[in-house]
Amino acid sequence: MRPIPHALLPHSAALYTAETDAEGMRTLTLTAQLSRVRIEPESAQTLTADETQSSQNALLIYDMRSSLPKNTAFAVGQYIQAQEAMYRVEAVKAYHDGRRLHHVELELRG
């Protein structure tokens, strides 16, 4: 399978790893500056008994051959800063083309 064309990967993002110290304070450490990725934002409104809640979610697509930096490792619990929003990585899905890893999709929650 061919790599995803660069024209379909127009976005950039920052990948952060979260660390919590002994006092419970969370610190984000920059892990990588991602480029040539695709970010598909989603927004949803849910009506509950209490009030209407809005949530910002997104899908980030990282192509194994086109996206930079190469061989970036993703994990649930990391953070992505993109398009003026901070998201938490909720799921990492790997897609293969039969022989090798083709791309990775990250489900993000804001």
PDB file of N, CA and C in Angstrom:
ATOM      1  N   MET A   1       0.844  -1.170   0.000  1.00  0.00           N
ATOM      2  CA  MET A   1       0.000   0.000   0.000  1.00  0.00           C
ATOM      3  C   MET A   1       0.893   1.237   0.000  1.00  0.00           C
ATOM      4  N   ARG A   2       0.479   2.232  -0.727  1.00  0.00           N
ATOM      5  CA  ARG A   2       1.260   3.467  -0.826  1.00  0.00           C
ATOM      6  C   ARG A   2       1.117   4.314   0.437  1.00  0.00           C
ATOM      7  N   PRO A   3       2.112   5.160   0.702  1.00  0.00           N
ATOM      8  CA  PRO A   3       1.977   6.072   1.842  1.00  0.00           C
ATOM      9  C   PRO A   3       0.865   7.081   1.571  1.00  0.00           C
ATOM     10  N   ILE A   4       0.357   7.674   2.634  1.00  0.00           N
ATOM     11  CA  ILE A   4      -0.656   8.713   2.496  1.00  0.00           C
ATOM     12  C   ILE A   4       0.022   9.933   1.851  1.00  0.00           C
ATOM     13  N   PRO A   5      -0.574  10.505   0.808  1.00  0.00           N
ATOM     14  CA  PRO A   5       0.057  11.661   0.140  1.00  0.00           C
ATOM     15  C   PRO A   5       0.231  12.854   1.081  1.00  0.00           C
ATOM     16  N   HIS A   6       1.301  13.601   0.864  1.00  0.00           N
ATOM     17  CA  HIS A   6       1.604  14.762   1.711  1.00  0.00           C
ATOM     18  C   HIS A   6       0.468  15.776   1.706  1.00  0.00           C
ATOM     19  N   ALA A   7      -0.254  15.906   0.592  1.00  0.00           N
ATOM     20  CA  ALA A   7      -1.353  16.870   0.516  1.00  0.00           C
ATOM     21  C   ALA A   7      -2.480  16.535   1.499  1.00  0.00           C
ATOM     22  N   LEU A   8      -2.593  15.282   1.894  1.00  0.00           N
ATOM     23  CA  LEU A   8      -3.619  14.869   2.857  1.00  0.00           C
ATOM     24  C   LEU A   8      -3.120  14.899   4.288  1.00  0.00           C
ATOM     25  N   LEU A   9      -1.866  15.317   4.486  1.00  0.00           N
ATOM     26  CA  LEU A   9      -1.264  15.391   5.819  1.00  0.00           C
ATOM     27  C   LEU A   9      -0.770  16.825   6.068  1.00  0.00           C
ATOM     28  N   PRO A  10      -1.695  17.789   6.140  1.00  0.00           N
ATOM     29  CA  PRO A  10      -1.283  19.198   6.183  1.00  0.00           C
ATOM     30  C   PRO A  10      -0.996  19.781   7.563  1.00  0.00           C
ATOM     31  N   HIS A  11      -1.182  18.998   8.619  1.00  0.00           N
ATOM     32  CA  HIS A  11      -1.137  19.570   9.971  1.00  0.00           C
ATOM     33  C   HIS A  11       0.169  19.278  10.714  1.00  0.00           C
ATOM     34  N   SER A  12       0.351  20.026  11.797  1.00  0.00           N
ATOM     35  CA  SER A  12       1.457  19.838  12.731  1.00  0.00           C
ATOM     36  C   SER A  12       0.873  19.750  14.132  1.00  0.00           C
ATOM     37  N   ALA A  13       1.619  19.131  15.036  1.00  0.00           N
ATOM     38  CA  ALA A  13       1.168  18.996  16.422  1.00  0.00           C
ATOM     39  C   ALA A  13       2.375  18.754  17.309  1.00  0.00           C
ATOM     40  N   ALA A  14       2.177  18.934  18.597  1.00  0.00           N
ATOM     41  CA  ALA A  14       3.222  18.646  19.580  1.00  0.00           C
ATOM     42  C   ALA A  14       2.756  17.469  20.432  1.00  0.00           C
ATOM     43  N   LEU A  15       3.660  16.517  20.657  1.00  0.00           N
ATOM     44  CA  LEU A  15       3.383  15.326  21.465  1.00  0.00           C
ATOM     45  C   LEU A  15       4.065  15.498  22.818  1.00  0.00           C
ATOM     46  N   TYR A  16       3.293  15.332  23.894  1.00  0.00           N
ATOM     47  CA  TYR A  16       3.803  15.475  25.252  1.00  0.00           C
ATOM     48  C   TYR A  16       3.597  14.184  26.034  1.00  0.00           C
ATOM     49  N   THR A  17       4.527  13.905  26.936  1.00  0.00           N
ATOM     50  CA  THR A  17       4.391  12.806  27.873  1.00  0.00           C
ATOM     51  C   THR A  17       4.131  13.408  29.247  1.00  0.00           C
ATOM     52  N   ALA A  18       3.155  12.861  29.957  1.00  0.00           N
ATOM     53  CA  ALA A  18       2.785  13.373  31.274  1.00  0.00           C
ATOM     54  C   ALA A  18       3.504  12.590  32.363  1.00  0.00           C
ATOM     55  N   GLU A  19       3.996  13.315  33.344  1.00  0.00           N
ATOM     56  CA  GLU A  19       4.628  12.710  34.511  1.00  0.00           C
ATOM     57  C   GLU A  19       3.994  13.340  35.752  1.00  0.00           C
ATOM     58  N   THR A  20       3.745  12.529  36.757  1.00  0.00           N
ATOM     59  CA  THR A  20       3.175  13.015  38.003  1.00  0.00           C
ATOM     60  C   THR A  20       4.201  12.859  39.114  1.00  0.00           C
ATOM     61  N   ASP A  21       4.440  13.930  39.862  1.00  0.00           N
ATOM     62  CA  ASP A  21       5.425  13.855  40.947  1.00  0.00           C
ATOM     63  C   ASP A  21       4.773  13.320  42.221  1.00  0.00           C
ATOM     64  N   ALA A  22       5.534  13.259  43.296  1.00  0.00           N
ATOM     65  CA  ALA A  22       5.063  12.697  44.564  1.00  0.00           C
ATOM     66  C   ALA A  22       3.910  13.498  45.164  1.00  0.00           C
ATOM     67  N   GLU A  23       3.816  14.776  44.808  1.00  0.00           N
ATOM     68  CA  GLU A  23       2.764  15.633  45.343  1.00  0.00           C
ATOM     69  C   GLU A  23       1.510  15.630  44.471  1.00  0.00           C
ATOM     70  N   GLY A  24       1.530  14.840  43.396  1.00  0.00           N
ATOM     71  CA  GLY A  24       0.369  14.748  42.514  1.00  0.00           C
ATOM     72  C   GLY A  24       0.303  15.809  41.430  1.00  0.00           C
ATOM     73  N   MET A  25       1.363  16.575  41.271  1.00  0.00           N
ATOM     74  CA  MET A  25       1.401  17.617  40.246  1.00  0.00           C
ATOM     75  C   MET A  25       1.819  16.990  38.912  1.00  0.00           C
ATOM     76  N   ARG A  26       1.043  17.273  37.872  1.00  0.00           N
ATOM     77  CA  ARG A  26       1.334  16.732  36.554  1.00  0.00           C
ATOM     78  C   ARG A  26       2.231  17.688  35.785  1.00  0.00           C
ATOM     79  N   THR A  27       3.263  17.148  35.160  1.00  0.00           N
ATOM     80  CA  THR A  27       4.183  17.908  34.336  1.00  0.00           C
ATOM     81  C   THR A  27       4.189  17.301  32.943  1.00  0.00           C
ATOM     82  N   LEU A  28       4.050  18.158  31.928  1.00  0.00           N
ATOM     83  CA  LEU A  28       4.103  17.689  30.551  1.00  0.00           C
ATOM     84  C   LEU A  28       5.477  17.962  29.974  1.00  0.00           C
ATOM     85  N   THR A  29       6.075  16.937  29.370  1.00  0.00           N
ATOM     86  CA  THR A  29       7.388  17.044  28.764  1.00  0.00           C
ATOM     87  C   THR A  29       7.239  16.856  27.260  1.00  0.00           C
ATOM     88  N   LEU A  30       7.772  17.810  26.486  1.00  0.00           N
ATOM     89  CA  LEU A  30       7.699  17.709  25.036  1.00  0.00           C
ATOM     90  C   LEU A  30       8.477  16.488  24.564  1.00  0.00           C
ATOM     91  N   THR A  31       7.793  15.609  23.834  1.00  0.00           N
ATOM     92  CA  THR A  31       8.404  14.379  23.336  1.00  0.00           C
ATOM     93  C   THR A  31       8.803  14.522  21.870  1.00  0.00           C
ATOM     94  N   ALA A  32       7.927  15.135  21.063  1.00  0.00           N
ATOM     95  CA  ALA A  32       8.210  15.288  19.634  1.00  0.00           C
ATOM     96  C   ALA A  32       7.344  16.382  19.041  1.00  0.00           C
ATOM     97  N   GLN A  33       7.877  17.049  18.017  1.00  0.00           N
ATOM     98  CA  GLN A  33       7.107  17.977  17.200  1.00  0.00           C
ATOM     99  C   GLN A  33       6.689  17.214  15.948  1.00  0.00           C
ATOM    100  N   LEU A  34       5.418  16.930  15.818  1.00  0.00           N
ATOM    101  CA  LEU A  34       4.922  16.140  14.699  1.00  0.00           C
ATOM    102  C   LEU A  34       4.597  17.048  13.517  1.00  0.00           C
ATOM    103  N   SER A  35       4.913  16.580  12.323  1.00  0.00           N
ATOM    104  CA  SER A  35       4.519  17.281  11.107  1.00  0.00           C
ATOM    105  C   SER A  35       4.064  16.243  10.083  1.00  0.00           C
ATOM    106  N   ARG A  36       3.361  16.739   9.065  1.00  0.00           N
ATOM    107  CA  ARG A  36       2.764  15.858   8.056  1.00  0.00           C
ATOM    108  C   ARG A  36       1.823  14.839   8.699  1.00  0.00           C
ATOM    109  N   VAL A  37       0.940  15.328   9.543  1.00  0.00           N
ATOM    110  CA  VAL A  37      -0.096  14.489  10.143  1.00  0.00           C
ATOM    111  C   VAL A  37      -1.449  15.071   9.742  1.00  0.00           C
ATOM    112  N   ARG A  38      -2.501  14.306   9.974  1.00  0.00           N
ATOM    113  CA  ARG A  38      -3.861  14.781   9.706  1.00  0.00           C
ATOM    114  C   ARG A  38      -4.633  14.776  11.011  1.00  0.00           C
ATOM    115  N   ILE A  39      -5.320  15.877  11.285  1.00  0.00           N
ATOM    116  CA  ILE A  39      -6.126  15.997  12.487  1.00  0.00           C
ATOM    117  C   ILE A  39      -7.559  16.296  12.063  1.00  0.00           C
ATOM    118  N   GLU A  40      -8.449  15.408  12.444  1.00  0.00           N
ATOM    119  CA  GLU A  40      -9.870  15.558  12.143  1.00  0.00           C
ATOM    120  C   GLU A  40     -10.603  15.885  13.450  1.00  0.00           C
ATOM    121  N   PRO A  41     -10.913  17.162  13.689  1.00  0.00           N
ATOM    122  CA  PRO A  41     -11.604  17.519  14.935  1.00  0.00           C
ATOM    123  C   PRO A  41     -13.072  17.103  14.892  1.00  0.00           C
ATOM    124  N   GLU A  42     -13.581  16.772  16.058  1.00  0.00           N
ATOM    125  CA  GLU A  42     -14.994  16.432  16.229  1.00  0.00           C
ATOM    126  C   GLU A  42     -15.472  17.171  17.462  1.00  0.00           C
ATOM    127  N   SER A  43     -16.668  17.703  17.400  1.00  0.00           N
ATOM    128  CA  SER A  43     -17.248  18.286  18.603  1.00  0.00           C
ATOM    129  C   SER A  43     -18.631  17.683  18.771  1.00  0.00           C
ATOM    130  N   ALA A  44     -18.988  17.439  20.001  1.00  0.00           N
ATOM    131  CA  ALA A  44     -20.280  16.820  20.294  1.00  0.00           C
ATOM    132  C   ALA A  44     -20.910  17.513  21.491  1.00  0.00           C
ATOM    133  N   GLN A  45     -22.218  17.600  21.450  1.00  0.00           N
ATOM    134  CA  GLN A  45     -22.960  18.125  22.582  1.00  0.00           C
ATOM    135  C   GLN A  45     -23.886  17.033  23.073  1.00  0.00           C
ATOM    136  N   THR A  46     -23.877  16.816  24.381  1.00  0.00           N
ATOM    137  CA  THR A  46     -24.703  15.797  25.005  1.00  0.00           C
ATOM    138  C   THR A  46     -25.636  16.471  25.995  1.00  0.00           C
ATOM    139  N   LEU A  47     -26.892  16.123  25.914  1.00  0.00           N
ATOM    140  CA  LEU A  47     -27.863  16.676  26.845  1.00  0.00           C
ATOM    141  C   LEU A  47     -28.059  15.684  27.978  1.00  0.00           C
ATOM    142  N   THR A  48     -27.713  16.108  29.186  1.00  0.00           N
ATOM    143  CA  THR A  48     -27.901  15.276  30.366  1.00  0.00           C
ATOM    144  C   THR A  48     -29.002  15.902  31.224  1.00  0.00           C
ATOM    145  N   ALA A  49     -29.378  15.232  32.282  1.00  0.00           N
ATOM    146  CA  ALA A  49     -30.415  15.759  33.171  1.00  0.00           C
ATOM    147  C   ALA A  49     -29.977  17.066  33.819  1.00  0.00           C
ATOM    148  N   ASP A  50     -28.678  17.209  34.048  1.00  0.00           N
ATOM    149  CA  ASP A  50     -28.156  18.401  34.715  1.00  0.00           C
ATOM    150  C   ASP A  50     -27.999  19.582  33.764  1.00  0.00           C
ATOM    151  N   GLU A  51     -27.370  19.343  32.635  1.00  0.00           N
ATOM    152  CA  GLU A  51     -27.070  20.435  31.713  1.00  0.00           C
ATOM    153  C   GLU A  51     -26.543  19.862  30.396  1.00  0.00           C
ATOM    154  N   THR A  52     -26.304  20.737  29.465  1.00  0.00           N
ATOM    155  CA  THR A  52     -25.715  20.344  28.195  1.00  0.00           C
ATOM    156  C   THR A  52     -24.201  20.358  28.344  1.00  0.00           C
ATOM    157  N   GLN A  53     -23.562  19.282  27.916  1.00  0.00           N
ATOM    158  CA  GLN A  53     -22.112  19.179  28.005  1.00  0.00           C
ATOM    159  C   GLN A  53     -21.529  19.129  26.602  1.00  0.00           C
ATOM    160  N   SER A  54     -20.466  19.864  26.395  1.00  0.00           N
ATOM    161  CA  SER A  54     -19.760  19.848  25.119  1.00  0.00           C
ATOM    162  C   SER A  54     -18.442  19.124  25.301  1.00  0.00           C
ATOM    163  N   SER A  55     -18.059  18.400  24.271  1.00  0.00           N
ATOM    164  CA  SER A  55     -16.749  17.741  24.330  1.00  0.00           C
ATOM    165  C   SER A  55     -16.035  17.948  23.010  1.00  0.00           C
ATOM    166  N   GLN A  56     -14.744  18.128  23.094  1.00  0.00           N
ATOM    167  CA  GLN A  56     -13.900  18.284  21.923  1.00  0.00           C
ATOM    168  C   GLN A  56     -13.085  17.011  21.761  1.00  0.00           C
ATOM    169  N   ASN A  57     -13.287  16.320  20.680  1.00  0.00           N
ATOM    170  CA  ASN A  57     -12.527  15.123  20.370  1.00  0.00           C
ATOM    171  C   ASN A  57     -11.868  15.322  19.020  1.00  0.00           C
ATOM    172  N   ALA A  58     -10.894  14.478  18.722  1.00  0.00           N
ATOM    173  CA  ALA A  58     -10.222  14.560  17.425  1.00  0.00           C
ATOM    174  C   ALA A  58      -9.604  13.212  17.104  1.00  0.00           C
ATOM    175  N   LEU A  59      -9.311  13.036  15.839  1.00  0.00           N
ATOM    176  CA  LEU A  59      -8.596  11.865  15.365  1.00  0.00           C
ATOM    177  C   LEU A  59      -7.320  12.358  14.711  1.00  0.00           C
ATOM    178  N   LEU A  60      -6.175  11.832  15.134  1.00  0.00           N
ATOM    179  CA  LEU A  60      -4.896  12.186  14.534  1.00  0.00           C
ATOM    180  C   LEU A  60      -4.401  10.982  13.752  1.00  0.00           C
ATOM    181  N   ILE A  61      -4.015  11.199  12.498  1.00  0.00           N
ATOM    182  CA  ILE A  61      -3.487  10.139  11.637  1.00  0.00           C
ATOM    183  C   ILE A  61      -2.008  10.413  11.400  1.00  0.00           C
ATOM    184  N   TYR A  62      -1.183   9.429  11.736  1.00  0.00           N
ATOM    185  CA  TYR A  62       0.275   9.491  11.581  1.00  0.00           C
ATOM    186  C   TYR A  62       0.680   8.406  10.591  1.00  0.00           C
ATOM    187  N   ASP A  63       1.174   8.813   9.423  1.00  0.00           N
ATOM    188  CA  ASP A  63       1.595   7.862   8.396  1.00  0.00           C
ATOM    189  C   ASP A  63       3.037   7.427   8.669  1.00  0.00           C
ATOM    190  N   MET A  64       3.282   6.133   8.596  1.00  0.00           N
ATOM    191  CA  MET A  64       4.600   5.607   8.950  1.00  0.00           C
ATOM    192  C   MET A  64       5.697   6.036   7.974  1.00  0.00           C
ATOM    193  N   ARG A  65       5.338   6.357   6.734  1.00  0.00           N
ATOM    194  CA  ARG A  65       6.355   6.739   5.758  1.00  0.00           C
ATOM    195  C   ARG A  65       6.422   8.239   5.511  1.00  0.00           C
ATOM    196  N   SER A  66       5.301   8.948   5.661  1.00  0.00           N
ATOM    197  CA  SER A  66       5.278  10.377   5.329  1.00  0.00           C
ATOM    198  C   SER A  66       5.402  11.297   6.532  1.00  0.00           C
ATOM    199  N   SER A  67       4.860  10.901   7.670  1.00  0.00           N
ATOM    200  CA  SER A  67       4.849  11.767   8.848  1.00  0.00           C
ATOM    201  C   SER A  67       6.231  11.852   9.485  1.00  0.00           C
ATOM    202  N   LEU A  68       6.473  12.981  10.144  1.00  0.00           N
ATOM    203  CA  LEU A  68       7.761  13.217  10.804  1.00  0.00           C
ATOM    204  C   LEU A  68       7.528  13.542  12.272  1.00  0.00           C
ATOM    205  N   PRO A  69       8.464  13.266  13.166  1.00  0.00           N
ATOM    206  CA  PRO A  69       9.670  12.472  12.967  1.00  0.00           C
ATOM    207  C   PRO A  69       9.334  10.989  12.782  1.00  0.00           C
ATOM    208  N   LYS A  70      10.230  10.324  12.116  1.00  0.00           N
ATOM    209  CA  LYS A  70      10.035   8.901  11.824  1.00  0.00           C
ATOM    210  C   LYS A  70      10.055   8.082  13.114  1.00  0.00           C
ATOM    211  N   ASN A  71       9.325   6.967  13.086  1.00  0.00           N
ATOM    212  CA  ASN A  71       9.313   5.975  14.172  1.00  0.00           C
ATOM    213  C   ASN A  71       8.925   6.544  15.531  1.00  0.00           C
ATOM    214  N   THR A  72       7.986   7.481  15.530  1.00  0.00           N
ATOM    215  CA  THR A  72       7.487   8.027  16.795  1.00  0.00           C
ATOM    216  C   THR A  72       6.594   6.993  17.465  1.00  0.00           C
ATOM    217  N   ALA A  73       6.822   6.774  18.744  1.00  0.00           N
ATOM    218  CA  ALA A  73       6.017   5.815  19.513  1.00  0.00           C
ATOM    219  C   ALA A  73       4.915   6.578  20.243  1.00  0.00           C
ATOM    220  N   PHE A  74       3.708   6.048  20.176  1.00  0.00           N
ATOM    221  CA  PHE A  74       2.557   6.666  20.834  1.00  0.00           C
ATOM    222  C   PHE A  74       2.032   5.738  21.913  1.00  0.00           C
ATOM    223  N   ALA A  75       1.449   6.335  22.965  1.00  0.00           N
ATOM    224  CA  ALA A  75       0.892   5.548  24.066  1.00  0.00           C
ATOM    225  C   ALA A  75      -0.328   6.267  24.629  1.00  0.00           C
ATOM    226  N   VAL A  76      -1.246   5.486  25.134  1.00  0.00           N
ATOM    227  CA  VAL A  76      -2.409   6.045  25.809  1.00  0.00           C
ATOM    228  C   VAL A  76      -1.918   6.851  27.013  1.00  0.00           C
ATOM    229  N   GLY A  77      -2.504   8.013  27.212  1.00  0.00           N
ATOM    230  CA  GLY A  77      -2.108   8.870  28.332  1.00  0.00           C
ATOM    231  C   GLY A  77      -1.182  10.004  27.924  1.00  0.00           C
ATOM    232  N   GLN A  78      -0.626   9.967  26.710  1.00  0.00           N
ATOM    233  CA  GLN A  78       0.164  11.089  26.230  1.00  0.00           C
ATOM    234  C   GLN A  78      -0.785  12.226  25.867  1.00  0.00           C
ATOM    235  N   TYR A  79      -0.225  13.396  25.597  1.00  0.00           N
ATOM    236  CA  TYR A  79      -1.014  14.562  25.236  1.00  0.00           C
ATOM    237  C   TYR A  79      -0.574  15.101  23.884  1.00  0.00           C
ATOM    238  N   ILE A  80      -1.547  15.629  23.134  1.00  0.00           N
ATOM    239  CA  ILE A  80      -1.295  16.239  21.837  1.00  0.00           C
ATOM    240  C   ILE A  80      -1.807  17.673  21.894  1.00  0.00           C
ATOM    241  N   GLN A  81      -0.955  18.616  21.499  1.00  0.00           N
ATOM    242  CA  GLN A  81      -1.388  19.997  21.378  1.00  0.00           C
ATOM    243  C   GLN A  81      -1.467  20.305  19.890  1.00  0.00           C
ATOM    244  N   ALA A  82      -2.674  20.629  19.433  1.00  0.00           N
ATOM    245  CA  ALA A  82      -2.880  20.897  18.014  1.00  0.00           C
ATOM    246  C   ALA A  82      -4.061  21.813  17.830  1.00  0.00           C
ATOM    247  N   GLN A  83      -3.970  22.661  16.836  1.00  0.00           N
ATOM    248  CA  GLN A  83      -5.063  23.557  16.471  1.00  0.00           C
ATOM    249  C   GLN A  83      -5.617  24.284  17.691  1.00  0.00           C
ATOM    250  N   GLU A  84      -4.731  24.848  18.486  1.00  0.00           N
ATOM    251  CA  GLU A  84      -5.073  25.651  19.672  1.00  0.00           C
ATOM    252  C   GLU A  84      -5.840  24.884  20.740  1.00  0.00           C
ATOM    253  N   ALA A  85      -5.661  23.576  20.783  1.00  0.00           N
ATOM    254  CA  ALA A  85      -6.333  22.758  21.800  1.00  0.00           C
ATOM    255  C   ALA A  85      -5.362  21.706  22.336  1.00  0.00           C
ATOM    256  N   MET A  86      -5.613  21.283  23.567  1.00  0.00           N
ATOM    257  CA  MET A  86      -4.827  20.214  24.186  1.00  0.00           C
ATOM    258  C   MET A  86      -5.727  18.996  24.303  1.00  0.00           C
ATOM    259  N   TYR A  87      -5.230  17.863  23.807  1.00  0.00           N
ATOM    260  CA  TYR A  87      -5.986  16.614  23.828  1.00  0.00           C
ATOM    261  C   TYR A  87      -5.203  15.545  24.574  1.00  0.00           C
ATOM    262  N   ARG A  88      -5.926  14.599  25.145  1.00  0.00           N
ATOM    263  CA  ARG A  88      -5.316  13.420  25.774  1.00  0.00           C
ATOM    264  C   ARG A  88      -5.522  12.240  24.841  1.00  0.00           C
ATOM    265  N   VAL A  89      -4.481  11.431  24.665  1.00  0.00           N
ATOM    266  CA  VAL A  89      -4.577  10.246  23.816  1.00  0.00           C
ATOM    267  C   VAL A  89      -5.375   9.187  24.570  1.00  0.00           C
ATOM    268  N   GLU A  90      -6.530   8.818  24.027  1.00  0.00           N
ATOM    269  CA  GLU A  90      -7.421   7.843  24.649  1.00  0.00           C
ATOM    270  C   GLU A  90      -7.251   6.446  24.062  1.00  0.00           C
ATOM    271  N   ALA A  91      -6.857   6.355  22.790  1.00  0.00           N
ATOM    272  CA  ALA A  91      -6.677   5.058  22.139  1.00  0.00           C
ATOM    273  C   ALA A  91      -5.657   5.203  21.025  1.00  0.00           C
ATOM    274  N   VAL A  92      -4.872   4.145  20.824  1.00  0.00           N
ATOM    275  CA  VAL A  92      -3.889   4.084  19.749  1.00  0.00           C
ATOM    276  C   VAL A  92      -4.222   2.860  18.914  1.00  0.00           C
ATOM    277  N   LYS A  93      -4.503   3.082  17.633  1.00  0.00           N
ATOM    278  CA  LYS A  93      -4.869   1.983  16.737  1.00  0.00           C
ATOM    279  C   LYS A  93      -3.845   1.900  15.609  1.00  0.00           C
ATOM    280  N   ALA A  94      -3.271   0.719  15.436  1.00  0.00           N
ATOM    281  CA  ALA A  94      -2.278   0.485  14.388  1.00  0.00           C
ATOM    282  C   ALA A  94      -2.926  -0.230  13.213  1.00  0.00           C
ATOM    283  N   TYR A  95      -2.662   0.246  12.007  1.00  0.00           N
ATOM    284  CA  TYR A  95      -3.216  -0.345  10.796  1.00  0.00           C
ATOM    285  C   TYR A  95      -2.077  -0.822   9.903  1.00  0.00           C
ATOM    286  N   HIS A  96      -2.145  -2.091   9.526  1.00  0.00           N
ATOM    287  CA  HIS A  96      -1.108  -2.718   8.709  1.00  0.00           C
ATOM    288  C   HIS A  96      -1.605  -2.882   7.279  1.00  0.00           C
ATOM    289  N   ASP A  97      -0.673  -2.944   6.342  1.00  0.00           N
ATOM    290  CA  ASP A  97      -1.030  -3.154   4.937  1.00  0.00           C
ATOM    291  C   ASP A  97      -0.833  -4.607   4.518  1.00  0.00           C
ATOM    292  N   GLY A  98      -0.720  -5.486   5.466  1.00  0.00           N
ATOM    293  CA  GLY A  98      -0.499  -6.900   5.189  1.00  0.00           C
ATOM    294  C   GLY A  98       0.887  -7.348   5.606  1.00  0.00           C
ATOM    295  N   ARG A  99       1.879  -6.532   5.320  1.00  0.00           N
ATOM    296  CA  ARG A  99       3.255  -6.883   5.674  1.00  0.00           C
ATOM    297  C   ARG A  99       3.852  -6.004   6.757  1.00  0.00           C
ATOM    298  N   ARG A 100       3.479  -4.748   6.746  1.00  0.00           N
ATOM    299  CA  ARG A 100       4.082  -3.827   7.720  1.00  0.00           C
ATOM    300  C   ARG A 100       3.071  -2.780   8.166  1.00  0.00           C
ATOM    301  N   LEU A 101       3.463  -2.037   9.171  1.00  0.00           N
ATOM    302  CA  LEU A 101       2.612  -0.987   9.726  1.00  0.00           C
ATOM    303  C   LEU A 101       2.464   0.130   8.698  1.00  0.00           C
ATOM    304  N   HIS A 102       1.229   0.493   8.375  1.00  0.00           N
ATOM    305  CA  HIS A 102       0.962   1.533   7.377  1.00  0.00           C
ATOM    306  C   HIS A 102       0.765   2.901   8.042  1.00  0.00           C
ATOM    307  N   HIS A 103      -0.153   2.972   9.029  1.00  0.00           N
ATOM    308  CA  HIS A 103      -0.375   4.221   9.743  1.00  0.00           C
ATOM    309  C   HIS A 103      -0.953   3.936  11.124  1.00  0.00           C
ATOM    310  N   VAL A 104      -0.910   4.970  11.959  1.00  0.00           N
ATOM    311  CA  VAL A 104      -1.430   4.882  13.321  1.00  0.00           C
ATOM    312  C   VAL A 104      -2.500   5.952  13.473  1.00  0.00           C
ATOM    313  N   GLU A 105      -3.616   5.588  14.087  1.00  0.00           N
ATOM    314  CA  GLU A 105      -4.682   6.536  14.379  1.00  0.00           C
ATOM    315  C   GLU A 105      -4.783   6.720  15.889  1.00  0.00           C
ATOM    316  N   LEU A 106      -4.768   7.972  16.319  1.00  0.00           N
ATOM    317  CA  LEU A 106      -4.890   8.292  17.733  1.00  0.00           C
ATOM    318  C   LEU A 106      -6.259   8.906  17.981  1.00  0.00           C
ATOM    319  N   GLU A 107      -7.021   8.324  18.897  1.00  0.00           N
ATOM    320  CA  GLU A 107      -8.283   8.909  19.314  1.00  0.00           C
ATOM    321  C   GLU A 107      -7.974   9.882  20.447  1.00  0.00           C
ATOM    322  N   LEU A 108      -8.363  11.136  20.263  1.00  0.00           N
ATOM    323  CA  LEU A 108      -8.011  12.202  21.199  1.00  0.00           C
ATOM    324  C   LEU A 108      -9.264  12.752  21.861  1.00  0.00           C
ATOM    325  N   ARG A 109      -9.127  13.122  23.118  1.00  0.00           N
ATOM    326  CA  ARG A 109     -10.224  13.731  23.869  1.00  0.00           C
ATOM    327  C   ARG A 109      -9.718  15.023  24.486  1.00  0.00           C
ATOM    328  N   GLY A 110     -10.484  16.098  24.311  1.00  0.00           N
ATOM    329  CA  GLY A 110     -10.073  17.401  24.815  1.00  0.00           C
ATOM    330  C   GLY A 110     -10.701  17.765  26.112  1.00  0.00           C
TER     331      GLY A 110
END
